[in-house]
PDB file of all heavy atoms in Angstrom:
ATOM      1  N   ALA A   1       7.047  -9.127  24.862  1.00  0.00           N
ATOM      2  CA  ALA A   1       6.843  -8.595  23.536  1.00  0.00           C
ATOM      3  C   ALA A   1       8.156  -8.583  22.821  1.00  0.00           C
ATOM      4  O   ALA A   1       9.124  -8.123  23.312  1.00  0.00           O
ATOM      5  CB  ALA A   1       6.222  -7.196  23.716  1.00  0.00           C
ATOM      6  N   ILE A   2       8.065  -8.999  21.532  1.00  0.00           N
ATOM      7  CA  ILE A   2       9.262  -9.020  20.750  1.00  0.00           C
ATOM      8  C   ILE A   2       8.862  -8.397  19.367  1.00  0.00           C
ATOM      9  O   ILE A   2       8.503  -9.090  18.404  1.00  0.00           O
ATOM     10  CB  ILE A   2       9.900 -10.449  20.481  1.00  0.00           C
ATOM     11  CG1 ILE A   2      10.146 -11.081  21.763  1.00  0.00           C
ATOM     12  CG2 ILE A   2      11.200 -10.272  19.676  1.00  0.00           C
ATOM     13  CD1 ILE A   2      10.812 -12.435  21.699  1.00  0.00           C
ATOM     14  N   PRO A   3       8.922  -7.081  19.297  1.00  0.00           N
ATOM     15  CA  PRO A   3       8.584  -6.415  17.975  1.00  0.00           C
ATOM     16  C   PRO A   3       9.977  -6.307  17.053  1.00  0.00           C
ATOM     17  O   PRO A   3      10.976  -5.861  17.623  1.00  0.00           O
ATOM     18  CB  PRO A   3       8.200  -4.995  18.379  1.00  0.00           C
ATOM     19  CG  PRO A   3       8.776  -4.768  19.685  1.00  0.00           C
ATOM     20  CD  PRO A   3       9.044  -6.059  20.294  1.00  0.00           C
ATOM     21  N   GLU A   4       9.866  -6.740  15.858  1.00  0.00           N
ATOM     22  CA  GLU A   4      11.039  -6.762  15.049  1.00  0.00           C
ATOM     23  C   GLU A   4      10.844  -5.761  13.904  1.00  0.00           C
ATOM     24  O   GLU A   4       9.848  -5.695  13.215  1.00  0.00           O
ATOM     25  CB  GLU A   4      11.248  -8.148  14.443  1.00  0.00           C
ATOM     26  CG  GLU A   4      11.486  -9.226  15.605  1.00  0.00           C
ATOM     27  CD  GLU A   4      11.679 -10.608  14.967  1.00  0.00           C
ATOM     28  OE1 GLU A   4      12.783 -10.987  14.599  1.00  0.00           O
ATOM     29  OE2 GLU A   4      10.644 -11.317  14.878  1.00  0.00           O
ATOM     30  N   VAL A   5      11.832  -4.949  13.638  1.00  0.00           N
ATOM     31  CA  VAL A   5      11.913  -3.955  12.535  1.00  0.00           C
ATOM     32  C   VAL A   5      10.571  -3.223  12.378  1.00  0.00           C
ATOM     33  O   VAL A   5      10.075  -3.118  11.311  1.00  0.00           O
ATOM     34  CB  VAL A   5      12.368  -4.613  11.251  1.00  0.00           C
ATOM     35  CG1 VAL A   5      13.833  -4.987  11.334  1.00  0.00           C
ATOM     36  CG2 VAL A   5      11.499  -5.756  10.783  1.00  0.00           C
ATOM     37  N   GLY A   6      10.037  -2.766  13.519  1.00  0.00           N
ATOM     38  CA  GLY A   6       8.666  -2.206  13.472  1.00  0.00           C
ATOM     39  C   GLY A   6       8.690  -0.650  13.256  1.00  0.00           C
ATOM     40  O   GLY A   6       9.741   0.011  13.390  1.00  0.00           O
ATOM     41  N   VAL A   7       7.526  -0.193  12.872  1.00  0.00           N
ATOM     42  CA  VAL A   7       7.312   1.267  12.688  1.00  0.00           C
ATOM     43  C   VAL A   7       6.707   1.813  13.997  1.00  0.00           C
ATOM     44  O   VAL A   7       5.531   1.418  14.277  1.00  0.00           O
ATOM     45  CB  VAL A   7       6.319   1.520  11.467  1.00  0.00           C
ATOM     46  CG1 VAL A   7       6.228   3.053  11.227  1.00  0.00           C
ATOM     47  CG2 VAL A   7       6.761   0.784  10.319  1.00  0.00           C
ATOM     48  N   PHE A   8       7.283   2.637  14.758  1.00  0.00           N
ATOM     49  CA  PHE A   8       6.833   3.015  16.049  1.00  0.00           C
ATOM     50  C   PHE A   8       6.522   4.495  16.134  1.00  0.00           C
ATOM     51  O   PHE A   8       5.751   4.939  16.913  1.00  0.00           O
ATOM     52  CB  PHE A   8       7.828   2.684  17.141  1.00  0.00           C
ATOM     53  CG  PHE A   8       8.130   1.123  17.095  1.00  0.00           C
ATOM     54  CD1 PHE A   8       9.469   0.765  16.863  1.00  0.00           C
ATOM     55  CD2 PHE A   8       7.167   0.281  17.394  1.00  0.00           C
ATOM     56  CE1 PHE A   8       9.715  -0.596  16.899  1.00  0.00           C
ATOM     57  CE2 PHE A   8       7.490  -1.085  17.427  1.00  0.00           C
ATOM     58  CZ  PHE A   8       8.757  -1.558  17.119  1.00  0.00           C
ATOM     59  N   ASP A   9       7.237   5.360  15.300  1.00  0.00           N
ATOM     60  CA  ASP A   9       7.023   6.733  15.318  1.00  0.00           C
ATOM     61  C   ASP A   9       6.193   7.131  14.132  1.00  0.00           C
ATOM     62  O   ASP A   9       6.744   7.532  13.080  1.00  0.00           O
ATOM     63  CB  ASP A   9       8.479   7.501  15.314  1.00  0.00           C
ATOM     64  CG  ASP A   9       8.315   9.015  15.286  1.00  0.00           C
ATOM     65  OD1 ASP A   9       7.143   9.500  15.302  1.00  0.00           O
ATOM     66  OD2 ASP A   9       9.346   9.665  15.254  1.00  0.00           O
ATOM     67  N   MET A  10       4.910   6.957  14.328  1.00  0.00           N
ATOM     68  CA  MET A  10       3.902   7.225  13.286  1.00  0.00           C
ATOM     69  C   MET A  10       3.881   8.773  12.918  1.00  0.00           C
ATOM     70  O   MET A  10       3.422   9.102  11.824  1.00  0.00           O
ATOM     71  CB  MET A  10       2.593   6.586  13.486  1.00  0.00           C
ATOM     72  CG  MET A  10       2.526   5.165  13.643  1.00  0.00           C
ATOM     73  SD  MET A  10       3.099   4.353  12.172  1.00  0.00           S
ATOM     74  CE  MET A  10       1.754   4.849  11.035  1.00  0.00           C
ATOM     75  N   PHE A  11       4.234   9.639  13.824  1.00  0.00           N
ATOM     76  CA  PHE A  11       4.223  11.054  13.571  1.00  0.00           C
ATOM     77  C   PHE A  11       5.168  11.293  12.326  1.00  0.00           C
ATOM     78  O   PHE A  11       4.831  12.237  11.592  1.00  0.00           O
ATOM     79  CB  PHE A  11       4.684  11.837  14.765  1.00  0.00           C
ATOM     80  CG  PHE A  11       4.605  13.305  14.774  1.00  0.00           C
ATOM     81  CD1 PHE A  11       3.596  13.924  15.466  1.00  0.00           C
ATOM     82  CD2 PHE A  11       5.396  14.044  13.947  1.00  0.00           C
ATOM     83  CE1 PHE A  11       3.451  15.359  15.469  1.00  0.00           C
ATOM     84  CE2 PHE A  11       5.231  15.504  13.959  1.00  0.00           C
ATOM     85  CZ  PHE A  11       4.253  16.031  14.708  1.00  0.00           C
ATOM     86  N   LYS A  12       6.202  10.604  12.302  1.00  0.00           N
ATOM     87  CA  LYS A  12       7.189  10.898  11.194  1.00  0.00           C
ATOM     88  C   LYS A  12       7.353   9.799  10.202  1.00  0.00           C
ATOM     89  O   LYS A  12       8.347   9.809   9.422  1.00  0.00           O
ATOM     90  CB  LYS A  12       8.584  11.193  11.881  1.00  0.00           C
ATOM     91  CG  LYS A  12       8.652  12.375  12.672  1.00  0.00           C
ATOM     92  CD  LYS A  12      10.097  12.610  13.117  1.00  0.00           C
ATOM     93  CE  LYS A  12      10.273  13.995  13.912  1.00  0.00           C
ATOM     94  NZ  LYS A  12      11.673  14.273  14.165  1.00  0.00           N
ATOM     95  N   PHE A  13       6.467   8.827  10.123  1.00  0.00           N
ATOM     96  CA  PHE A  13       6.644   7.690   9.292  1.00  0.00           C
ATOM     97  C   PHE A  13       6.745   8.026   7.822  1.00  0.00           C
ATOM     98  O   PHE A  13       7.564   7.474   7.092  1.00  0.00           O
ATOM     99  CB  PHE A  13       5.555   6.530   9.495  1.00  0.00           C
ATOM    100  CG  PHE A  13       4.326   6.738   8.629  1.00  0.00           C
ATOM    101  CD1 PHE A  13       4.169   6.139   7.451  1.00  0.00           C
ATOM    102  CD2 PHE A  13       3.209   7.565   9.112  1.00  0.00           C
ATOM    103  CE1 PHE A  13       3.024   6.297   6.659  1.00  0.00           C
ATOM    104  CE2 PHE A  13       2.131   7.772   8.373  1.00  0.00           C
ATOM    105  CZ  PHE A  13       2.024   7.103   7.145  1.00  0.00           C
ATOM    106  N   GLU A  14       6.136   9.082   7.408  1.00  0.00           N
ATOM    107  CA  GLU A  14       6.187   9.507   5.984  1.00  0.00           C
ATOM    108  C   GLU A  14       7.518  10.114   5.636  1.00  0.00           C
ATOM    109  O   GLU A  14       7.871  10.199   4.405  1.00  0.00           O
ATOM    110  CB  GLU A  14       5.048  10.424   5.618  1.00  0.00           C
ATOM    111  CG  GLU A  14       3.686   9.852   5.642  1.00  0.00           C
ATOM    112  CD  GLU A  14       2.617  10.814   5.255  1.00  0.00           C
ATOM    113  OE1 GLU A  14       2.639  11.366   4.176  1.00  0.00           O
ATOM    114  OE2 GLU A  14       1.697  11.082   6.085  1.00  0.00           O
ATOM    115  N   GLU A  15       8.212  10.595   6.569  1.00  0.00           N
ATOM    116  CA  GLU A  15       9.504  11.258   6.308  1.00  0.00           C
ATOM    117  C   GLU A  15      10.667  10.337   5.920  1.00  0.00           C
ATOM    118  O   GLU A  15      11.646  10.756   5.368  1.00  0.00           O
ATOM    119  CB  GLU A  15       9.968  12.080   7.595  1.00  0.00           C
ATOM    120  CG  GLU A  15       9.002  13.248   7.892  1.00  0.00           C
ATOM    121  CD  GLU A  15       9.477  14.024   9.063  1.00  0.00           C
ATOM    122  OE1 GLU A  15      10.636  13.942   9.445  1.00  0.00           O
ATOM    123  OE2 GLU A  15       8.661  14.713   9.704  1.00  0.00           O
ATOM    124  N   TYR A  16      10.453   9.075   6.285  1.00  0.00           N
ATOM    125  CA  TYR A  16      11.598   8.185   6.147  1.00  0.00           C
ATOM    126  C   TYR A  16      11.351   7.148   4.960  1.00  0.00           C
ATOM    127  O   TYR A  16      10.266   6.592   4.825  1.00  0.00           O
ATOM    128  CB  TYR A  16      11.832   7.271   7.418  1.00  0.00           C
ATOM    129  CG  TYR A  16      11.999   8.087   8.678  1.00  0.00           C
ATOM    130  CD1 TYR A  16      11.358   7.773   9.840  1.00  0.00           C
ATOM    131  CD2 TYR A  16      13.003   9.123   8.739  1.00  0.00           C
ATOM    132  CE1 TYR A  16      11.540   8.487  10.982  1.00  0.00           C
ATOM    133  CE2 TYR A  16      13.238   9.817   9.882  1.00  0.00           C
ATOM    134  CZ  TYR A  16      12.520   9.551  10.989  1.00  0.00           C
ATOM    135  OH  TYR A  16      12.698  10.257  12.176  1.00  0.00           O
ATOM    136  N   THR A  17      12.371   6.890   4.235  1.00  0.00           N
ATOM    137  CA  THR A  17      12.429   5.912   3.192  1.00  0.00           C
ATOM    138  C   THR A  17      11.127   5.565   2.458  1.00  0.00           C
ATOM    139  O   THR A  17      10.539   6.385   1.802  1.00  0.00           O
ATOM    140  CB  THR A  17      13.033   4.601   3.829  1.00  0.00           C
ATOM    141  OG1 THR A  17      12.211   4.132   4.800  1.00  0.00           O
ATOM    142  CG2 THR A  17      14.449   4.847   4.297  1.00  0.00           C
ATOM    143  N   VAL A  18      10.523   4.349   2.687  1.00  0.00           N
ATOM    144  CA  VAL A  18       9.367   3.992   1.985  1.00  0.00           C
ATOM    145  C   VAL A  18       8.041   4.417   2.470  1.00  0.00           C
ATOM    146  O   VAL A  18       6.913   3.993   2.008  1.00  0.00           O
ATOM    147  CB  VAL A  18       9.319   2.357   1.721  1.00  0.00           C
ATOM    148  CG1 VAL A  18      10.570   1.993   0.976  1.00  0.00           C
ATOM    149  CG2 VAL A  18       9.160   1.730   2.977  1.00  0.00           C
ATOM    150  N   GLY A  19       8.036   5.232   3.535  1.00  0.00           N
ATOM    151  CA  GLY A  19       6.815   5.656   4.287  1.00  0.00           C
ATOM    152  C   GLY A  19       5.903   6.330   3.269  1.00  0.00           C
ATOM    153  O   GLY A  19       4.565   6.207   3.434  1.00  0.00           O
ATOM    154  N   ARG A  20       6.356   7.044   2.310  1.00  0.00           N
ATOM    155  CA  ARG A  20       5.549   7.718   1.284  1.00  0.00           C
ATOM    156  C   ARG A  20       4.682   6.770   0.547  1.00  0.00           C
ATOM    157  O   ARG A  20       3.648   7.166  -0.018  1.00  0.00           O
ATOM    158  CB  ARG A  20       6.383   8.568   0.424  1.00  0.00           C
ATOM    159  CG  ARG A  20       7.237   7.768  -0.602  1.00  0.00           C
ATOM    160  CD  ARG A  20       8.114   8.724  -1.455  1.00  0.00           C
ATOM    161  NE  ARG A  20       8.885   7.936  -2.440  1.00  0.00           N
ATOM    162  CZ  ARG A  20       8.332   7.677  -3.651  1.00  0.00           C
ATOM    163  NH1 ARG A  20       7.180   8.049  -4.019  1.00  0.00           N
ATOM    164  NH2 ARG A  20       9.139   6.957  -4.542  1.00  0.00           N
ATOM    165  N   PHE A  21       5.104   5.525   0.401  1.00  0.00           N
ATOM    166  CA  PHE A  21       4.296   4.489  -0.343  1.00  0.00           C
ATOM    167  C   PHE A  21       3.157   3.987   0.488  1.00  0.00           C
ATOM    168  O   PHE A  21       2.276   3.249  -0.067  1.00  0.00           O
ATOM    169  CB  PHE A  21       5.136   3.330  -0.785  1.00  0.00           C
ATOM    170  CG  PHE A  21       6.282   3.662  -1.681  1.00  0.00           C
ATOM    171  CD1 PHE A  21       7.543   3.270  -1.536  1.00  0.00           C
ATOM    172  CD2 PHE A  21       5.983   4.393  -2.919  1.00  0.00           C
ATOM    173  CE1 PHE A  21       8.573   3.681  -2.362  1.00  0.00           C
ATOM    174  CE2 PHE A  21       7.060   4.745  -3.783  1.00  0.00           C
ATOM    175  CZ  PHE A  21       8.349   4.352  -3.527  1.00  0.00           C
ATOM    176  N   HIS A  22       3.121   4.306   1.740  1.00  0.00           N
ATOM    177  CA  HIS A  22       2.235   3.527   2.619  1.00  0.00           C
ATOM    178  C   HIS A  22       1.047   4.495   3.131  1.00  0.00           C
ATOM    179  O   HIS A  22       0.399   4.173   4.208  1.00  0.00           O
ATOM    180  CB  HIS A  22       2.981   2.917   3.847  1.00  0.00           C
ATOM    181  CG  HIS A  22       4.039   1.950   3.446  1.00  0.00           C
ATOM    182  ND1 HIS A  22       5.027   1.554   4.235  1.00  0.00           N
ATOM    183  CD2 HIS A  22       4.056   1.210   2.240  1.00  0.00           C
ATOM    184  CE1 HIS A  22       5.767   0.652   3.540  1.00  0.00           C
ATOM    185  NE2 HIS A  22       5.183   0.442   2.415  1.00  0.00           N
ATOM    186  N   VAL A  23       0.923   5.689   2.563  1.00  0.00           N
ATOM    187  CA  VAL A  23      -0.165   6.589   2.897  1.00  0.00           C
ATOM    188  C   VAL A  23      -1.644   5.916   2.669  1.00  0.00           C
ATOM    189  O   VAL A  23      -2.435   6.143   3.493  1.00  0.00           O
ATOM    190  CB  VAL A  23      -0.031   7.915   2.139  1.00  0.00           C
ATOM    191  CG1 VAL A  23      -1.241   8.697   2.379  1.00  0.00           C
ATOM    192  CG2 VAL A  23       1.206   8.620   2.589  1.00  0.00           C
ATOM    193  N   ASP A  24      -1.681   5.082   1.654  1.00  0.00           N
ATOM    194  CA  ASP A  24      -2.913   4.423   1.386  1.00  0.00           C
ATOM    195  C   ASP A  24      -3.242   3.362   2.547  1.00  0.00           C
ATOM    196  O   ASP A  24      -4.431   3.105   2.777  1.00  0.00           O
ATOM    197  CB  ASP A  24      -2.894   3.727  -0.024  1.00  0.00           C
ATOM    198  CG  ASP A  24      -1.853   2.726  -0.184  1.00  0.00           C
ATOM    199  OD1 ASP A  24      -0.754   2.852   0.532  1.00  0.00           O
ATOM    200  OD2 ASP A  24      -1.927   1.776  -1.040  1.00  0.00           O
ATOM    201  N   GLU A  25      -2.158   2.772   3.135  1.00  0.00           N
ATOM    202  CA  GLU A  25      -2.376   1.858   4.236  1.00  0.00           C
ATOM    203  C   GLU A  25      -2.772   2.494   5.572  1.00  0.00           C
ATOM    204  O   GLU A  25      -3.672   2.046   6.260  1.00  0.00           O
ATOM    205  CB  GLU A  25      -1.195   1.011   4.297  1.00  0.00           C
ATOM    206  CG  GLU A  25      -1.352  -0.086   5.382  1.00  0.00           C
ATOM    207  CD  GLU A  25      -2.309  -1.213   4.947  1.00  0.00           C
ATOM    208  OE1 GLU A  25      -2.545  -1.392   3.772  1.00  0.00           O
ATOM    209  OE2 GLU A  25      -2.862  -1.844   5.837  1.00  0.00           O
ATOM    210  N   PHE A  26      -2.134   3.628   5.793  1.00  0.00           N
ATOM    211  CA  PHE A  26      -2.215   4.243   7.124  1.00  0.00           C
ATOM    212  C   PHE A  26      -3.003   5.492   7.123  1.00  0.00           C
ATOM    213  O   PHE A  26      -3.423   6.014   8.147  1.00  0.00           O
ATOM    214  CB  PHE A  26      -0.809   4.521   7.777  1.00  0.00           C
ATOM    215  CG  PHE A  26      -0.068   3.220   8.028  1.00  0.00           C
ATOM    216  CD1 PHE A  26       1.077   3.105   7.303  1.00  0.00           C
ATOM    217  CD2 PHE A  26      -0.396   2.291   8.955  1.00  0.00           C
ATOM    218  CE1 PHE A  26       1.914   1.903   7.582  1.00  0.00           C
ATOM    219  CE2 PHE A  26       0.366   1.225   9.161  1.00  0.00           C
ATOM    220  CZ  PHE A  26       1.535   1.009   8.433  1.00  0.00           C
TER     221      PHE A  26
END
């Protein structure tokens, strides 16, 4: 498996950088 620049900690994804823009997606 080769995951590149992935989002892995979904518990905190909204706390970082552009996570707030992705609430409609997740």
